[in-house]
């Protein structure tokens, strides 16, 4: 296996512009590269299936299961049967925060989980909702768009009760079903959203809490408090999670040395990376690579040349 140039790794990720509230239905398109955008993505498979490369795993979405994930986590659609028909809805992160959705749902999204509906009896209901939402979001009527937003809010609240993490098959944490307090003013939401977006776009840089707080004009302590109230996690933990997700991808899909991966992902040193990786996954990065390499099941997970 030959080493991969770091500039090639950067070219393999495509940043898409913010598009806001949009929805569409149809046959998917294969993605030749990982991509990301700022919205939370809501998927619903009408028939067939789609398989994503998401973080370090292949994840297949099946019919009758509403799924939700934050598209700022790099992902790539790599396969689907020809008969597949799917529905997509992009939801601005700011909208989720404004409506104080259950913190277990928000926290799972920000932690990079793909959240899946476990109640398969919802298929007809969800299919009807998506068809109606497509029409409402295309309508020039503010009232129809408001109705769509209210229905979506109710559907996501219901999802928080019945959803599970697709990666672990465990239900979402049941605590904190109520919405997060104290971060719901428009100004606070704007600052929290800006911090999360800035981290998602710049986590490979040597970021500090003080720099992030300065970006939004807040004292570092208040910025951390506001972030924690909105997302249910510390700002520094969120930054580390973004870096770990990036490192996982490089470990599995490139031949880069562990030290180079640590620097590429933004950790600054191998020791910081090893400590964070071991806390998160219970093993060293090299051991993780060795244990996973033998199980690569798809060309999308083979090391780049």
Protein backbone atom coordinates (compact mmCIF):
# COMPACT_ATOMS: atom_id res chain seq x y z
CA UNK A 1 0.00 0.00 0.00
CA UNK A 2 1.36 3.38 -0.97
CA UNK A 3 1.11 6.50 1.16
CA UNK A 4 -1.53 9.06 0.27
CA UNK A 5 -0.69 12.71 -0.24
CA UNK A 6 -2.42 14.97 2.28
CA UNK A 7 -3.54 17.39 -0.43
CA UNK A 8 -5.36 14.50 -2.11
CA UNK A 9 -7.14 13.71 1.15
CA UNK A 10 -8.40 17.30 1.28
CA UNK A 11 -9.63 17.10 -2.33
CA UNK A 12 -11.68 14.02 -1.46
CA UNK A 13 -14.06 16.14 0.66
CA UNK A 14 -16.52 18.49 -1.02
CA UNK A 15 -18.16 21.34 0.89
CA UNK A 16 -21.64 22.16 -0.37
CA UNK A 17 -23.24 25.57 0.20
CA UNK A 18 -26.03 26.07 2.70
CA UNK A 19 -29.37 25.50 1.01
CA UNK A 20 -31.81 25.87 3.90
CA UNK A 21 -35.22 24.18 4.00
CA UNK A 22 -35.47 22.10 0.81
CA UNK A 23 -36.92 18.69 0.01
CA UNK A 24 -37.02 16.39 -2.97
CA UNK A 25 -38.08 12.89 -4.03
CA UNK A 26 -36.55 10.60 -6.60
CA UNK A 27 -33.77 8.18 -7.45
CA UNK A 28 -30.49 8.92 -5.65
CA UNK A 29 -27.19 9.77 -7.32
CA UNK A 30 -23.94 8.06 -6.42
CA UNK A 31 -21.32 10.32 -4.87
CA UNK A 32 -17.75 9.99 -6.06
CA UNK A 33 -16.41 11.83 -3.01
CA UNK A 34 -17.35 12.52 0.57
CA UNK A 35 -19.32 15.70 1.00
CA UNK A 36 -20.86 17.75 3.78
CA UNK A 37 -23.25 20.64 4.24
CA UNK A 38 -24.59 22.51 7.24
CA UNK A 39 -28.15 21.21 7.42
CA UNK A 40 -29.53 18.23 9.29
CA UNK A 41 -30.58 15.66 6.71
CA UNK A 42 -33.84 13.74 7.04
CA UNK A 43 -34.08 10.65 4.81
CA UNK A 44 -37.04 8.40 4.11
CA UNK A 45 -36.83 5.40 1.76
CA UNK A 46 -40.06 4.73 -0.11
CA UNK A 47 -38.68 1.59 -1.75
CA UNK A 48 -35.26 0.05 -2.26
CA UNK A 49 -32.38 1.09 0.00
CA UNK A 50 -29.39 3.42 0.07
CA UNK A 51 -25.97 2.83 1.59
CA UNK A 52 -23.84 5.65 2.97
CA UNK A 53 -20.23 5.75 3.98
CA UNK A 54 -20.62 7.72 7.20
CA UNK A 55 -17.62 8.32 9.42
CA UNK A 56 -15.93 4.88 9.51
CA UNK A 57 -18.93 2.73 8.72
CA UNK A 58 -21.18 1.57 5.91
CA UNK A 59 -24.77 2.35 6.89
CA UNK A 60 -27.75 1.08 4.90
CA UNK A 61 -31.11 2.85 5.14
CA UNK A 62 -34.16 0.67 4.54
CA UNK A 63 -37.80 1.48 3.75
CA UNK A 64 -40.28 2.52 6.45
CA UNK A 65 -37.63 4.05 8.70
CA UNK A 66 -37.30 7.80 9.03
CA UNK A 67 -33.61 8.66 9.56
CA UNK A 68 -31.87 11.81 10.69
CA UNK A 69 -28.22 12.91 10.76
CA UNK A 70 -26.18 16.10 10.72
CA UNK A 71 -24.74 16.47 7.24
CA UNK A 72 -21.76 18.46 8.53
CA UNK A 73 -20.31 15.01 9.25
CA UNK A 74 -18.67 13.95 5.95
CA UNK A 75 -20.74 11.30 4.19
CA UNK A 76 -21.01 9.66 0.80
CA UNK A 77 -23.81 7.75 -0.90
CA UNK A 78 -22.10 4.71 -2.39
CA UNK A 79 -24.79 2.25 -3.53
CA UNK A 80 -28.50 1.66 -4.04
CA UNK A 81 -30.74 -0.76 -6.02
CA UNK A 82 -32.03 0.60 -9.32
CA UNK A 83 -35.60 0.51 -8.02
CA UNK A 84 -34.84 2.86 -5.13
CA UNK A 85 -37.08 5.86 -4.54
CA UNK A 86 -36.15 8.10 -1.62
CA UNK A 87 -37.22 11.35 0.01
CA UNK A 88 -34.82 13.95 1.43
CA UNK A 89 -35.44 16.97 3.59
CA UNK A 90 -32.71 19.39 4.63
CA UNK A 91 -33.40 21.08 7.97
CA UNK A 92 -31.36 24.12 9.09
CA UNK A 93 -29.62 23.53 12.43
CA UNK A 94 -30.84 26.93 13.62
CA UNK A 95 -34.44 25.80 13.16
CA UNK A 96 -33.88 22.75 15.38
CA UNK A 97 -32.46 24.94 18.13
CA UNK A 98 -35.20 27.55 17.88
CA UNK A 99 -37.86 24.95 18.56
CA UNK A 100 -36.16 23.48 21.62
CA UNK A 101 -36.46 19.89 20.48
CA UNK A 102 -35.64 17.19 23.06
CA UNK A 103 -32.00 17.39 24.08
CA UNK A 104 -31.49 13.63 23.65
CA UNK A 105 -32.27 14.10 19.95
CA UNK A 106 -30.10 17.21 19.53
CA UNK A 107 -27.18 15.66 21.38
CA UNK A 108 -27.29 12.48 19.30
CA UNK A 109 -27.32 14.55 16.10
CA UNK A 110 -24.34 16.64 17.18
CA UNK A 111 -22.43 13.54 18.24
CA UNK A 112 -22.61 12.26 14.67
CA UNK A 113 -25.22 9.55 15.18
CA UNK A 114 -27.55 8.43 12.42
CA UNK A 115 -30.92 8.28 14.16
CA UNK A 116 -33.50 5.80 12.93
CA UNK A 117 -37.20 5.33 13.61
CA UNK A 118 -37.82 1.98 15.30
CA UNK A 119 -41.61 1.96 14.87
CA UNK A 120 -42.23 0.36 11.47
CA UNK A 121 -45.96 1.09 11.62
CA UNK A 122 -45.19 4.73 10.74
CA UNK A 123 -44.48 4.03 7.04
CA UNK A 124 -47.82 5.14 5.55
CA UNK A 125 -47.99 8.14 7.85
CA UNK A 126 -44.44 9.29 7.03
CA UNK A 127 -44.91 8.73 3.30
CA UNK A 128 -48.02 10.91 3.40
CA UNK A 129 -46.16 13.58 5.38
CA UNK A 130 -43.27 13.73 2.93
CA UNK A 131 -45.53 14.05 -0.09
CA UNK A 132 -47.34 16.89 1.65
CA UNK A 133 -44.12 18.57 2.80
CA UNK A 134 -42.74 18.57 -0.74
CA UNK A 135 -45.78 20.53 -1.87
CA UNK A 136 -45.83 22.84 1.14
CA UNK A 137 -42.17 23.84 0.81
CA UNK A 138 -42.65 24.65 -2.87
CA UNK A 139 -45.71 26.76 -2.12
CA UNK A 140 -45.41 30.58 -1.99
CA UNK A 141 -47.95 30.52 0.87
CA UNK A 142 -46.34 31.36 4.24
CA UNK A 143 -49.23 29.58 5.95
CA UNK A 144 -48.53 26.28 4.16
CA UNK A 145 -44.85 26.54 5.00
CA UNK A 146 -45.73 27.21 8.64
CA UNK A 147 -47.97 24.13 8.68
CA UNK A 148 -45.08 22.09 7.27
CA UNK A 149 -42.75 23.37 9.99
CA UNK A 150 -45.27 22.58 12.74
CA UNK A 151 -45.84 19.06 11.42
CA UNK A 152 -42.09 18.49 11.15
CA UNK A 153 -41.53 19.69 14.71
CA UNK A 154 -44.21 17.31 15.99
CA UNK A 155 -42.77 14.40 13.95
CA UNK A 156 -39.26 14.96 15.31
CA UNK A 157 -40.53 15.17 18.87
CA UNK A 158 -42.27 11.83 18.35
CA UNK A 159 -39.07 10.44 16.81
CA UNK A 160 -37.17 11.30 20.00
CA UNK A 161 -39.37 8.83 21.89
CA UNK A 162 -39.03 5.90 19.49
CA UNK A 163 -35.68 6.41 17.74
CA UNK A 164 -32.52 4.38 18.06
CA UNK A 165 -28.93 4.94 17.01
CA UNK A 166 -28.37 3.11 13.73
CA UNK A 167 -24.73 2.44 14.59
CA UNK A 168 -25.34 0.89 18.01
CA UNK A 169 -29.03 -0.18 17.69
CA UNK A 170 -29.55 1.33 21.15
CA UNK A 171 -32.48 3.65 21.94
CA UNK A 172 -31.61 7.29 22.42
CA UNK A 173 -30.87 8.32 26.00
CA UNK A 174 -34.18 8.88 27.74
CA UNK A 175 -33.14 11.69 30.03
CA UNK A 176 -33.77 15.35 29.27
CA UNK A 177 -36.79 14.85 27.06
CA UNK A 178 -37.64 18.49 27.42
CA UNK A 179 -35.99 21.08 25.22
CA UNK A 180 -32.73 22.66 26.29
CA UNK A 181 -33.27 25.81 28.40
CA UNK A 182 -31.80 29.28 28.23
CA UNK A 183 -30.41 29.13 24.69
CA UNK A 184 -33.63 29.80 22.81
CA UNK A 185 -33.46 33.55 22.17
CA UNK A 186 -32.75 34.38 18.52
CA UNK A 187 -29.45 36.02 19.45
CA UNK A 188 -28.29 33.05 21.54
CA UNK A 189 -29.33 30.55 18.88
CA UNK A 190 -27.46 32.50 16.23
CA UNK A 191 -24.28 32.46 18.30
CA UNK A 192 -24.54 28.77 19.14
CA UNK A 193 -25.19 27.87 15.51
CA UNK A 194 -22.23 29.98 14.40
CA UNK A 195 -19.93 28.26 16.91
CA UNK A 196 -21.05 24.78 15.83
CA UNK A 197 -20.71 25.63 12.14
CA UNK A 198 -17.30 27.25 12.64
CA UNK A 199 -16.02 24.16 14.45
CA UNK A 200 -17.44 21.80 11.81
CA UNK A 201 -15.69 23.77 9.06
CA UNK A 202 -12.39 24.45 10.86
CA UNK A 203 -11.77 21.63 13.34
CA UNK A 204 -8.51 20.65 11.63
CA UNK A 205 -7.07 24.04 12.56
CA UNK A 206 -5.50 24.80 15.98
CA UNK A 207 -8.74 26.11 17.50
CA UNK A 208 -9.06 27.29 21.08
CA UNK A 209 -12.19 28.03 23.08
CA UNK A 210 -11.07 31.63 23.43
CA UNK A 211 -10.84 32.00 19.63
CA UNK A 212 -14.28 30.50 19.11
CA UNK A 213 -15.81 32.70 21.81
CA UNK A 214 -14.18 35.78 20.29
CA UNK A 215 -15.76 34.93 16.93
CA UNK A 216 -19.24 35.38 18.44
CA UNK A 217 -18.29 38.23 20.79
CA UNK A 218 -18.71 36.29 24.05
CA UNK A 219 -16.60 35.61 27.12
CA UNK A 220 -15.16 32.07 26.84
CA UNK A 221 -16.96 30.86 29.98
CA UNK A 222 -20.31 32.17 28.78
CA UNK A 223 -19.74 30.75 25.30
CA UNK A 224 -19.07 27.29 26.77
CA UNK A 225 -22.14 27.54 29.02
CA UNK A 226 -24.37 28.59 26.13
CA UNK A 227 -23.08 25.78 23.93
CA UNK A 228 -23.60 23.20 26.67
CA UNK A 229 -27.17 24.34 27.33
CA UNK A 230 -28.03 24.16 23.64
CA UNK A 231 -26.34 20.87 22.74
CA UNK A 232 -25.96 19.02 26.05
CA UNK A 233 -22.19 18.67 25.64
CA UNK A 234 -19.07 20.72 26.25
CA UNK A 235 -17.74 22.77 23.36
CA UNK A 236 -14.31 21.17 23.72
CA UNK A 237 -15.85 17.68 23.60
CA UNK A 238 -17.68 18.56 20.40
CA UNK A 239 -14.43 19.80 18.85
CA UNK A 240 -12.71 16.56 19.83
CA UNK A 241 -15.54 14.48 18.34
CA UNK A 242 -15.22 16.25 15.00
CA UNK A 243 -11.48 15.57 14.96
CA UNK A 244 -11.92 11.92 15.94
CA UNK A 245 -14.46 11.38 13.15
CA UNK A 246 -11.98 12.83 10.65
CA UNK A 247 -9.18 10.67 12.04
CA UNK A 248 -11.31 7.51 11.81
CA UNK A 249 -11.88 8.13 8.13
CA UNK A 250 -8.17 8.62 7.46
CA UNK A 251 -7.21 5.54 9.48
CA UNK A 252 -9.50 3.33 7.40
CA UNK A 253 -9.27 4.87 3.95
CA UNK A 254 -5.63 5.96 3.67
CA UNK A 255 -2.16 4.64 4.43
CA UNK A 256 -1.13 7.79 6.29
CA UNK A 257 1.02 7.34 9.37
CA UNK A 258 -0.71 7.78 12.71
CA UNK A 259 1.30 10.92 13.49
CA UNK A 260 0.31 12.46 10.16
CA UNK A 261 -3.32 11.59 10.85
CA UNK A 262 -3.13 13.24 14.27
CA UNK A 263 -1.83 16.45 12.71
CA UNK A 264 -4.20 16.30 9.73
CA UNK A 265 -7.22 15.92 12.05
CA UNK A 266 -6.19 18.93 14.13
CA UNK A 267 -4.90 17.33 17.33
CA UNK A 268 -1.54 19.08 17.20
CA UNK A 269 0.42 16.14 18.64
CA UNK A 270 0.37 12.36 18.64
CA UNK A 271 0.05 12.22 22.44
CA UNK A 272 -3.17 14.27 22.44
CA UNK A 273 -4.56 12.14 19.65
CA UNK A 274 -3.68 8.83 21.33
CA UNK A 275 -5.26 9.95 24.61
CA UNK A 276 -8.48 11.15 22.96
CA UNK A 277 -8.74 8.09 20.70
CA UNK A 278 -8.22 5.65 23.57
CA UNK A 279 -10.83 7.42 25.71
CA UNK A 280 -13.35 7.22 22.89
CA UNK A 281 -12.67 3.73 21.48
CA UNK A 282 -10.74 1.85 24.16
CA UNK A 283 -7.75 1.08 21.96
CA UNK A 284 -4.82 2.73 20.23
CA UNK A 285 -5.28 4.06 16.65
CA UNK A 286 -2.90 1.47 15.21
CA UNK A 287 -4.75 -1.38 16.88
CA UNK A 288 -8.04 0.02 15.62
CA UNK A 289 -6.69 0.11 12.06
CA UNK A 290 -5.43 -3.47 12.31
CA UNK A 291 -8.74 -4.76 13.69
CA UNK A 292 -10.82 -3.00 11.05
CA UNK A 293 -8.67 -3.45 7.94
CA UNK A 294 -9.45 -7.16 7.60
CA UNK A 295 -13.17 -6.41 7.62
CA UNK A 296 -13.28 -3.83 4.83
CA UNK A 297 -16.42 -4.96 2.98
CA UNK A 298 -16.69 -2.47 0.16
CA UNK A 299 -14.39 -0.69 -2.33
CA UNK A 300 -15.40 2.63 -0.79
CA UNK A 301 -13.50 1.62 2.35
CA UNK A 302 -10.30 0.48 0.68
CA UNK A 303 -7.27 2.75 1.10
CA UNK A 304 -6.84 5.48 -1.49
CA UNK A 305 -3.95 5.04 -3.87
